[in-house]
PDB file of N, CA and C in Angstrom:
ATOM      1  N   MET A   1       0.717  -1.175  -0.192  1.00  0.00           N
ATOM      2  CA  MET A   1      -0.324  -0.013   0.054  1.00  0.00           C
ATOM      3  C   MET A   1       0.653   1.309  -0.114  1.00  0.00           C
ATOM      4  N   LEU A   2       1.471   1.276   0.487  1.00  0.00           N
ATOM      5  CA  LEU A   2       2.525   2.337   0.862  1.00  0.00           C
ATOM      6  C   LEU A   2       3.443   2.946  -0.728  1.00  0.00           C
ATOM      7  N   LYS A   3       3.850   1.453  -1.433  1.00  0.00           N
ATOM      8  CA  LYS A   3       4.684   1.436  -1.901  1.00  0.00           C
ATOM      9  C   LYS A   3       3.587   2.629  -3.233  1.00  0.00           C
ATOM     10  N   ASN A   4       2.337   1.853  -3.425  1.00  0.00           N
ATOM     11  CA  ASN A   4       1.774   2.333  -4.202  1.00  0.00           C
ATOM     12  C   ASN A   4       1.064   4.323  -4.297  1.00  0.00           C
ATOM     13  N   LEU A   5       1.554   4.361  -3.161  1.00  0.00           N
ATOM     14  CA  LEU A   5       1.342   5.749  -2.772  1.00  0.00           C
ATOM     15  C   LEU A   5       2.667   6.606  -3.091  1.00  0.00           C
ATOM     16  N   VAL A   6       3.065   6.344  -2.791  1.00  0.00           N
ATOM     17  CA  VAL A   6       4.561   6.731  -3.040  1.00  0.00           C
ATOM     18  C   VAL A   6       4.811   6.630  -5.061  1.00  0.00           C
ATOM     19  N   LYS A   7       4.835   5.699  -5.357  1.00  0.00           N
ATOM     20  CA  LYS A   7       4.427   5.024  -6.896  1.00  0.00           C
ATOM     21  C   LYS A   7       3.548   6.563  -7.164  1.00  0.00           C
ATOM     22  N   ASP A   8       3.059   7.060  -7.041  1.00  0.00           N
ATOM     23  CA  ASP A   8       1.765   7.593  -7.128  1.00  0.00           C
ATOM     24  C   ASP A   8       2.369   9.479  -6.654  1.00  0.00           C
ATOM     25  N   LEU A   9       3.234   9.499  -5.990  1.00  0.00           N
ATOM     26  CA  LEU A   9       3.642  10.966  -6.021  1.00  0.00           C
ATOM     27  C   LEU A   9       3.517  11.765  -7.468  1.00  0.00           C
ATOM     28  N   LYS A  10       3.268  12.920  -7.376  1.00  0.00           N
ATOM     29  CA  LYS A  10       3.593  13.935  -8.043  1.00  0.00           C
ATOM     30  C   LYS A  10       4.537  15.089  -7.740  1.00  0.00           C
ATOM     31  N   PRO A  11       5.630  15.067  -8.795  1.00  0.00           N
ATOM     32  CA  PRO A  11       6.400  16.172  -7.964  1.00  0.00           C
ATOM     33  C   PRO A  11       6.177  16.796  -7.448  1.00  0.00           C
ATOM     34  N   SER A  12       6.872  18.116  -6.522  1.00  0.00           N
ATOM     35  CA  SER A  12       6.613  18.927  -5.886  1.00  0.00           C
ATOM     36  C   SER A  12       6.675  20.357  -6.903  1.00  0.00           C
ATOM     37  N   SER A  13       5.697  21.132  -6.507  1.00  0.00           N
ATOM     38  CA  SER A  13       5.636  22.498  -7.638  1.00  0.00           C
ATOM     39  C   SER A  13       6.663  23.543  -7.088  1.00  0.00           C
ATOM     40  N   THR A  14       6.662  23.648  -6.297  1.00  0.00           N
ATOM     41  CA  THR A  14       8.428  23.693  -5.803  1.00  0.00           C
ATOM     42  C   THR A  14       9.229  24.149  -6.661  1.00  0.00           C
ATOM     43  N   LEU A  15       9.744  22.362  -6.147  1.00  0.00           N
ATOM     44  CA  LEU A  15      11.146  22.041  -6.675  1.00  0.00           C
ATOM     45  C   LEU A  15      11.112  21.976  -8.287  1.00  0.00           C
ATOM     46  N   LEU A  16       9.631  22.070  -8.798  1.00  0.00           N
ATOM     47  CA  LEU A  16       9.578  21.936 -10.336  1.00  0.00           C
ATOM     48  C   LEU A  16       9.359  23.440 -11.163  1.00  0.00           C
ATOM     49  N   ILE A  17       9.372  24.386 -10.157  1.00  0.00           N
ATOM     50  CA  ILE A  17       9.811  25.323 -10.750  1.00  0.00           C
ATOM     51  C   ILE A  17      11.175  25.957 -10.832  1.00  0.00           C
ATOM     52  N   ASN A  18      11.536  25.348  -9.223  1.00  0.00           N
ATOM     53  CA  ASN A  18      13.330  25.749  -9.048  1.00  0.00           C
ATOM     54  C   ASN A  18      14.347  25.466 -10.417  1.00  0.00           C
ATOM     55  N   GLU A  19      13.720  23.704 -10.477  1.00  0.00           N
ATOM     56  CA  GLU A  19      14.353  23.152 -11.577  1.00  0.00           C
ATOM     57  C   GLU A  19      14.171  23.994 -12.843  1.00  0.00           C
ATOM     58  N   THR A  20      12.870  24.135 -13.318  1.00  0.00           N
ATOM     59  CA  THR A  20      12.667  24.920 -14.526  1.00  0.00           C
ATOM     60  C   THR A  20      13.510  25.808 -14.807  1.00  0.00           C
ATOM     61  N   SER A  21      13.541  27.252 -12.979  1.00  0.00           N
ATOM     62  CA  SER A  21      13.735  28.335 -13.764  1.00  0.00           C
ATOM     63  C   SER A  21      15.385  28.122 -13.628  1.00  0.00           C
ATOM     64  N   ARG A  22      16.385  26.675 -12.965  1.00  0.00           N
ATOM     65  CA  ARG A  22      17.490  26.856 -13.281  1.00  0.00           C
ATOM     66  C   ARG A  22      18.131  26.540 -14.497  1.00  0.00           C
ATOM     67  N   LYS A  23      16.963  25.605 -15.730  1.00  0.00           N
ATOM     68  CA  LYS A  23      17.359  25.539 -16.841  1.00  0.00           C
ATOM     69  C   LYS A  23      17.607  26.482 -17.426  1.00  0.00           C
ATOM     70  N   LEU A  24      16.671  27.533 -17.621  1.00  0.00           N
ATOM     71  CA  LEU A  24      16.124  28.431 -18.285  1.00  0.00           C
ATOM     72  C   LEU A  24      17.223  29.954 -17.718  1.00  0.00           C
ATOM     73  N   GLU A  25      18.047  29.693 -16.942  1.00  0.00           N
ATOM     74  CA  GLU A  25      18.888  30.378 -16.186  1.00  0.00           C
ATOM     75  C   GLU A  25      20.364  30.120 -16.740  1.00  0.00           C
ATOM     76  N   GLU A  26      20.264  28.870 -17.158  1.00  0.00           N
ATOM     77  CA  GLU A  26      21.734  27.786 -17.880  1.00  0.00           C
ATOM     78  C   GLU A  26      21.648  28.380 -19.502  1.00  0.00           C
ATOM     79  N   GLN A  27      19.932  28.541 -19.966  1.00  0.00           N
ATOM     80  CA  GLN A  27      19.755  29.386 -21.213  1.00  0.00           C
ATOM     81  C   GLN A  27      20.157  30.902 -21.566  1.00  0.00           C
ATOM     82  N   GLY A  28      20.669  31.231 -20.576  1.00  0.00           N
ATOM     83  CA  GLY A  28      20.900  32.864 -20.452  1.00  0.00           C
ATOM     84  C   GLY A  28      19.637  33.626 -20.080  1.00  0.00           C
ATOM     85  N   LYS A  29      18.579  33.278 -20.132  1.00  0.00           N
ATOM     86  CA  LYS A  29      17.864  33.314 -19.991  1.00  0.00           C
ATOM     87  C   LYS A  29      17.618  34.395 -18.353  1.00  0.00           C
ATOM     88  N   LYS A  30      16.964  36.115 -18.592  1.00  0.00           N
ATOM     89  CA  LYS A  30      16.854  36.355 -17.210  1.00  0.00           C
ATOM     90  C   LYS A  30      15.576  35.714 -16.119  1.00  0.00           C
ATOM     91  N   ILE A  31      15.930  35.575 -15.056  1.00  0.00           N
ATOM     92  CA  ILE A  31      14.651  35.069 -14.272  1.00  0.00           C
ATOM     93  C   ILE A  31      14.670  35.631 -13.210  1.00  0.00           C
ATOM     94  N   TYR A  32      13.641  36.092 -13.118  1.00  0.00           N
ATOM     95  CA  TYR A  32      13.320  37.068 -11.530  1.00  0.00           C
ATOM     96  C   TYR A  32      12.738  36.650 -10.217  1.00  0.00           C
ATOM     97  N   LYS A  33      13.146  36.168  -9.157  1.00  0.00           N
ATOM     98  CA  LYS A  33      12.789  34.869  -8.457  1.00  0.00           C
ATOM     99  C   LYS A  33      11.975  36.107  -7.458  1.00  0.00           C
ATOM    100  N   PHE A  34      11.150  35.421  -6.868  1.00  0.00           N
ATOM    101  CA  PHE A  34      10.364  36.139  -6.045  1.00  0.00           C
ATOM    102  C   PHE A  34       9.890  35.357  -4.729  1.00  0.00           C
ATOM    103  N   GLY A  35      10.652  34.277  -4.202  1.00  0.00           N
ATOM    104  CA  GLY A  35      10.389  33.515  -2.982  1.00  0.00           C
ATOM    105  C   GLY A  35      11.404  34.239  -1.986  1.00  0.00           C
ATOM    106  N   PHE A  36      11.219  34.065  -1.577  1.00  0.00           N
ATOM    107  CA  PHE A  36      11.303  35.110   0.078  1.00  0.00           C
ATOM    108  C   PHE A  36      12.784  34.295   0.918  1.00  0.00           C
ATOM    109  N   GLY A  37      11.994  33.143   0.764  1.00  0.00           N
ATOM    110  CA  GLY A  37      13.561  32.086   1.967  1.00  0.00           C
ATOM    111  C   GLY A  37      13.670  32.829   2.924  1.00  0.00           C
ATOM    112  N   GLN A  38      14.290  32.578   3.654  1.00  0.00           N
ATOM    113  CA  GLN A  38      14.577  32.991   5.375  1.00  0.00           C
ATOM    114  C   GLN A  38      15.884  34.639   5.594  1.00  0.00           C
ATOM    115  N   SER A  39      14.909  35.585   5.431  1.00  0.00           N
ATOM    116  CA  SER A  39      16.315  36.729   5.973  1.00  0.00           C
ATOM    117  C   SER A  39      17.469  36.535   6.741  1.00  0.00           C
ATOM    118  N   PRO A  40      18.129  37.562   6.015  1.00  0.00           N
ATOM    119  CA  PRO A  40      19.541  37.188   7.037  1.00  0.00           C
ATOM    120  C   PRO A  40      19.857  38.251   7.758  1.00  0.00           C
ATOM    121  N   PHE A  41      18.609  39.572   8.042  1.00  0.00           N
ATOM    122  CA  PHE A  41      18.499  40.645   8.939  1.00  0.00           C
ATOM    123  C   PHE A  41      17.580  39.689  10.470  1.00  0.00           C
ATOM    124  N   LYS A  42      17.981  41.271  11.137  1.00  0.00           N
ATOM    125  CA  LYS A  42      17.340  40.048  12.128  1.00  0.00           C
ATOM    126  C   LYS A  42      15.994  41.222  12.338  1.00  0.00           C
ATOM    127  N   VAL A  43      14.951  40.064  13.249  1.00  0.00           N
ATOM    128  CA  VAL A  43      13.535  41.214  12.935  1.00  0.00           C
ATOM    129  C   VAL A  43      13.540  42.086  14.030  1.00  0.00           C
ATOM    130  N   PRO A  44      13.082  43.065  13.446  1.00  0.00           N
ATOM    131  CA  PRO A  44      13.106  44.403  14.590  1.00  0.00           C
ATOM    132  C   PRO A  44      12.358  43.493  15.589  1.00  0.00           C
ATOM    133  N   GLU A  45      12.662  44.375  16.759  1.00  0.00           N
ATOM    134  CA  GLU A  45      12.080  43.668  17.910  1.00  0.00           C
ATOM    135  C   GLU A  45      10.558  44.403  18.276  1.00  0.00           C
ATOM    136  N   ASP A  46      10.609  45.734  17.501  1.00  0.00           N
ATOM    137  CA  ASP A  46       8.808  46.328  17.641  1.00  0.00           C
ATOM    138  C   ASP A  46       8.294  45.709  16.775  1.00  0.00           C
ATOM    139  N   VAL A  47       8.428  44.440  15.781  1.00  0.00           N
ATOM    140  CA  VAL A  47       7.651  43.975  14.972  1.00  0.00           C
ATOM    141  C   VAL A  47       7.541  42.348  15.634  1.00  0.00           C
ATOM    142  N   VAL A  48       8.731  41.844  16.099  1.00  0.00           N
ATOM    143  CA  VAL A  48       8.312  40.661  17.189  1.00  0.00           C
ATOM    144  C   VAL A  48       7.601  41.208  18.598  1.00  0.00           C
ATOM    145  N   GLU A  49       6.990  42.113  18.870  1.00  0.00           N
ATOM    146  CA  GLU A  49       6.033  42.644  19.908  1.00  0.00           C
ATOM    147  C   GLU A  49       4.997  42.663  19.278  1.00  0.00           C
ATOM    148  N   GLU A  50       4.697  43.572  18.015  1.00  0.00           N
ATOM    149  CA  GLU A  50       3.391  43.133  17.098  1.00  0.00           C
ATOM    150  C   GLU A  50       2.344  41.384  17.017  1.00  0.00           C
ATOM    151  N   LEU A  51       3.938  41.190  16.311  1.00  0.00           N
ATOM    152  CA  LEU A  51       3.498  39.656  15.770  1.00  0.00           C
ATOM    153  C   LEU A  51       2.932  38.862  17.253  1.00  0.00           C
ATOM    154  N   LYS A  52       3.248  39.097  17.973  1.00  0.00           N
ATOM    155  CA  LYS A  52       3.449  38.465  19.676  1.00  0.00           C
ATOM    156  C   LYS A  52       1.992  38.641  20.106  1.00  0.00           C
ATOM    157  N   ASN A  53       1.528  40.102  19.816  1.00  0.00           N
ATOM    158  CA  ASN A  53       0.129  40.533  20.352  1.00  0.00           C
ATOM    159  C   ASN A  53      -0.776  40.379  19.527  1.00  0.00           C
ATOM    160  N   ASN A  54      -0.703  40.273  18.433  1.00  0.00           N
ATOM    161  CA  ASN A  54      -1.852  40.004  17.433  1.00  0.00           C
ATOM    162  C   ASN A  54      -2.088  37.964  16.765  1.00  0.00           C
ATOM    163  N   ALA A  55      -0.317  37.221  17.222  1.00  0.00           N
ATOM    164  CA  ALA A  55      -0.869  36.365  17.275  1.00  0.00           C
ATOM    165  C   ALA A  55      -1.997  35.582  16.665  1.00  0.00           C
ATOM    166  N   HIS A  56      -2.920  35.673  18.191  1.00  0.00           N
ATOM    167  CA  HIS A  56      -4.585  35.011  18.218  1.00  0.00           C
ATOM    168  C   HIS A  56      -5.278  35.399  17.062  1.00  0.00           C
ATOM    169  N   GLN A  57      -4.297  36.579  16.132  1.00  0.00           N
ATOM    170  CA  GLN A  57      -5.418  36.582  14.593  1.00  0.00           C
ATOM    171  C   GLN A  57      -4.924  35.940  13.344  1.00  0.00           C
ATOM    172  N   ASN A  58      -5.284  34.700  14.004  1.00  0.00           N
ATOM    173  CA  ASN A  58      -4.324  33.736  12.935  1.00  0.00           C
ATOM    174  C   ASN A  58      -5.796  33.234  11.844  1.00  0.00           C
ATOM    175  N   LYS A  59      -6.597  34.908  11.128  1.00  0.00           N
ATOM    176  CA  LYS A  59      -7.380  33.631  10.287  1.00  0.00           C
ATOM    177  C   LYS A  59      -7.063  34.043   8.739  1.00  0.00           C
ATOM    178  N   TYR A  60      -7.288  33.637   7.875  1.00  0.00           N
ATOM    179  CA  TYR A  60      -6.972  33.871   6.543  1.00  0.00           C
ATOM    180  C   TYR A  60      -7.481  34.877   5.994  1.00  0.00           C
ATOM    181  N   LEU A  61      -6.531  35.448   5.342  1.00  0.00           N
ATOM    182  CA  LEU A  61      -7.333  37.260   4.616  1.00  0.00           C
ATOM    183  C   LEU A  61      -8.427  36.527   3.384  1.00  0.00           C
ATOM    184  N   PRO A  62      -9.125  37.470   3.164  1.00  0.00           N
ATOM    185  CA  PRO A  62      -9.761  37.493   2.144  1.00  0.00           C
ATOM    186  C   PRO A  62      -9.374  36.457   0.496  1.00  0.00           C
ATOM    187  N   MET A  63      -9.527  35.905  -0.512  1.00  0.00           N
ATOM    188  CA  MET A  63      -8.281  35.333  -1.674  1.00  0.00           C
ATOM    189  C   MET A  63      -7.809  37.130  -2.353  1.00  0.00           C
ATOM    190  N   GLN A  64      -9.124  37.431  -2.030  1.00  0.00           N
ATOM    191  CA  GLN A  64      -8.907  38.785  -3.082  1.00  0.00           C
ATOM    192  C   GLN A  64      -7.944  39.801  -2.554  1.00  0.00           C
ATOM    193  N   GLY A  65      -7.930  39.430  -1.287  1.00  0.00           N
ATOM    194  CA  GLY A  65      -6.839  40.712  -0.570  1.00  0.00           C
ATOM    195  C   GLY A  65      -8.199  41.769   0.322  1.00  0.00           C
ATOM    196  N   LEU A  66      -7.042  42.388   1.116  1.00  0.00           N
ATOM    197  CA  LEU A  66      -8.011  43.458   1.687  1.00  0.00           C
ATOM    198  C   LEU A  66      -8.271  44.628   1.085  1.00  0.00           C
ATOM    199  N   SER A  67      -9.739  45.233   0.585  1.00  0.00           N
ATOM    200  CA  SER A  67      -9.862  45.493   0.388  1.00  0.00           C
ATOM    201  C   SER A  67      -9.693  46.791   0.483  1.00  0.00           C
ATOM    202  N   GLU A  68      -9.418  47.249   1.550  1.00  0.00           N
ATOM    203  CA  GLU A  68      -8.396  48.752   1.590  1.00  0.00           C
ATOM    204  C   GLU A  68      -7.529  48.838   0.949  1.00  0.00           C
ATOM    205  N   LEU A  69      -6.738  47.964   1.095  1.00  0.00           N
ATOM    206  CA  LEU A  69      -4.959  47.607   0.807  1.00  0.00           C
ATOM    207  C   LEU A  69      -5.604  47.922  -1.022  1.00  0.00           C
ATOM    208  N   ARG A  70      -6.239  46.694  -1.314  1.00  0.00           N
ATOM    209  CA  ARG A  70      -6.873  46.592  -2.738  1.00  0.00           C
ATOM    210  C   ARG A  70      -6.708  47.892  -3.440  1.00  0.00           C
ATOM    211  N   ASN A  71      -7.921  48.743  -3.190  1.00  0.00           N
ATOM    212  CA  ASN A  71      -7.787  49.591  -3.500  1.00  0.00           C
ATOM    213  C   ASN A  71      -6.881  51.160  -3.562  1.00  0.00           C
ATOM    214  N   VAL A  72      -5.731  50.800  -2.327  1.00  0.00           N
ATOM    215  CA  VAL A  72      -4.812  52.009  -2.199  1.00  0.00           C
ATOM    216  C   VAL A  72      -3.869  51.731  -3.371  1.00  0.00           C
ATOM    217  N   VAL A  73      -3.873  50.621  -3.879  1.00  0.00           N
ATOM    218  CA  VAL A  73      -2.413  49.540  -4.762  1.00  0.00           C
ATOM    219  C   VAL A  73      -2.816  50.721  -6.262  1.00  0.00           C
ATOM    220  N   ALA A  74      -4.496  50.453  -6.794  1.00  0.00           N
ATOM    221  CA  ALA A  74      -5.248  50.567  -7.593  1.00  0.00           C
ATOM    222  C   ALA A  74      -4.701  52.033  -7.959  1.00  0.00           C
ATOM    223  N   LYS A  75      -5.110  52.874  -6.693  1.00  0.00           N
ATOM    224  CA  LYS A  75      -4.906  54.035  -7.010  1.00  0.00           C
ATOM    225  C   LYS A  75      -3.174  54.625  -7.139  1.00  0.00           C
ATOM    226  N   TYR A  76      -2.630  54.118  -6.617  1.00  0.00           N
ATOM    227  CA  TYR A  76      -1.325  54.179  -6.299  1.00  0.00           C
ATOM    228  C   TYR A  76      -0.572  54.403  -8.386  1.00  0.00           C
ATOM    229  N   THR A  77      -1.669  52.992  -8.699  1.00  0.00           N
ATOM    230  CA  THR A  77      -0.893  52.065  -9.939  1.00  0.00           C
ATOM    231  C   THR A  77      -1.526  53.167 -10.703  1.00  0.00           C
ATOM    232  N   SER A  78      -2.914  53.606 -10.666  1.00  0.00           N
ATOM    233  CA  SER A  78      -3.249  54.294 -11.191  1.00  0.00           C
ATOM    234  C   SER A  78      -2.766  56.000 -12.063  1.00  0.00           C
ATOM    235  N   LYS A  79      -2.561  56.784 -10.632  1.00  0.00           N
ATOM    236  CA  LYS A  79      -1.953  57.581 -10.083  1.00  0.00           C
ATOM    237  C   LYS A  79      -0.459  57.853 -11.078  1.00  0.00           C
ATOM    238  N   LYS A  80       0.171  56.754 -10.851  1.00  0.00           N
ATOM    239  CA  LYS A  80       1.304  56.376 -11.595  1.00  0.00           C
ATOM    240  C   LYS A  80       1.430  56.216 -12.799  1.00  0.00           C
ATOM    241  N   LYS A  81       0.294  55.510 -13.161  1.00  0.00           N
ATOM    242  CA  LYS A  81       0.156  55.371 -14.837  1.00  0.00           C
ATOM    243  C   LYS A  81       0.963  53.793 -15.057  1.00  0.00           C
ATOM    244  N   ILE A  82       0.648  53.389 -14.214  1.00  0.00           N
ATOM    245  CA  ILE A  82       2.073  51.836 -13.764  1.00  0.00           C
ATOM    246  C   ILE A  82       0.357  51.115 -15.207  1.00  0.00           C
ATOM    247  N   MET A  83      -0.455  51.287 -14.683  1.00  0.00           N
ATOM    248  CA  MET A  83      -1.665  50.860 -15.080  1.00  0.00           C
ATOM    249  C   MET A  83      -3.096  50.758 -14.987  1.00  0.00           C
ATOM    250  N   THR A  84      -4.063  50.585 -15.322  1.00  0.00           N
ATOM    251  CA  THR A  84      -5.415  50.699 -14.875  1.00  0.00           C
ATOM    252  C   THR A  84      -5.846  49.316 -14.235  1.00  0.00           C
ATOM    253  N   ILE A  85      -6.598  49.865 -12.840  1.00  0.00           N
ATOM    254  CA  ILE A  85      -7.008  48.512 -12.586  1.00  0.00           C
ATOM    255  C   ILE A  85      -8.346  48.359 -12.359  1.00  0.00           C
ATOM    256  N   ASN A  86      -9.060  47.165 -12.606  1.00  0.00           N
ATOM    257  CA  ASN A  86     -10.513  47.442 -12.664  1.00  0.00           C
ATOM    258  C   ASN A  86     -10.863  46.592 -10.983  1.00  0.00           C
ATOM    259  N   LEU A  87     -11.456  47.143  -9.812  1.00  0.00           N
ATOM    260  CA  LEU A  87     -11.597  46.844  -8.482  1.00  0.00           C
ATOM    261  C   LEU A  87     -13.130  45.288  -8.441  1.00  0.00           C
ATOM    262  N   LYS A  88     -13.313  45.097  -9.711  1.00  0.00           N
ATOM    263  CA  LYS A  88     -14.912  44.888  -9.729  1.00  0.00           C
ATOM    264  C   LYS A  88     -14.039  43.155  -9.833  1.00  0.00           C
ATOM    265  N   MET A  89     -14.473  42.214  -8.857  1.00  0.00           N
ATOM    266  CA  MET A  89     -14.110  40.734  -8.903  1.00  0.00           C
ATOM    267  C   MET A  89     -15.123  39.514  -8.979  1.00  0.00           C
TER     268      MET A  89
END
């Protein structure tokens, strides 16, 4: 039974993306990596305290993101003529 489970495993999406980007880099293509990984910088103490104070608020955000933040980003990008954003989803 375990053998069948292992046999039917699909490759990790993350590992597949890493492998694909590595191959594209080897071909001389420019790859922009947006993975965060572990930061080499110490987390500021005020951030640590806020995380502690708000750890109980552990619900997922709406899939579309926070409405207030979406509106601010839309206004900014429209003002800077980066792109026009349609907020209807």
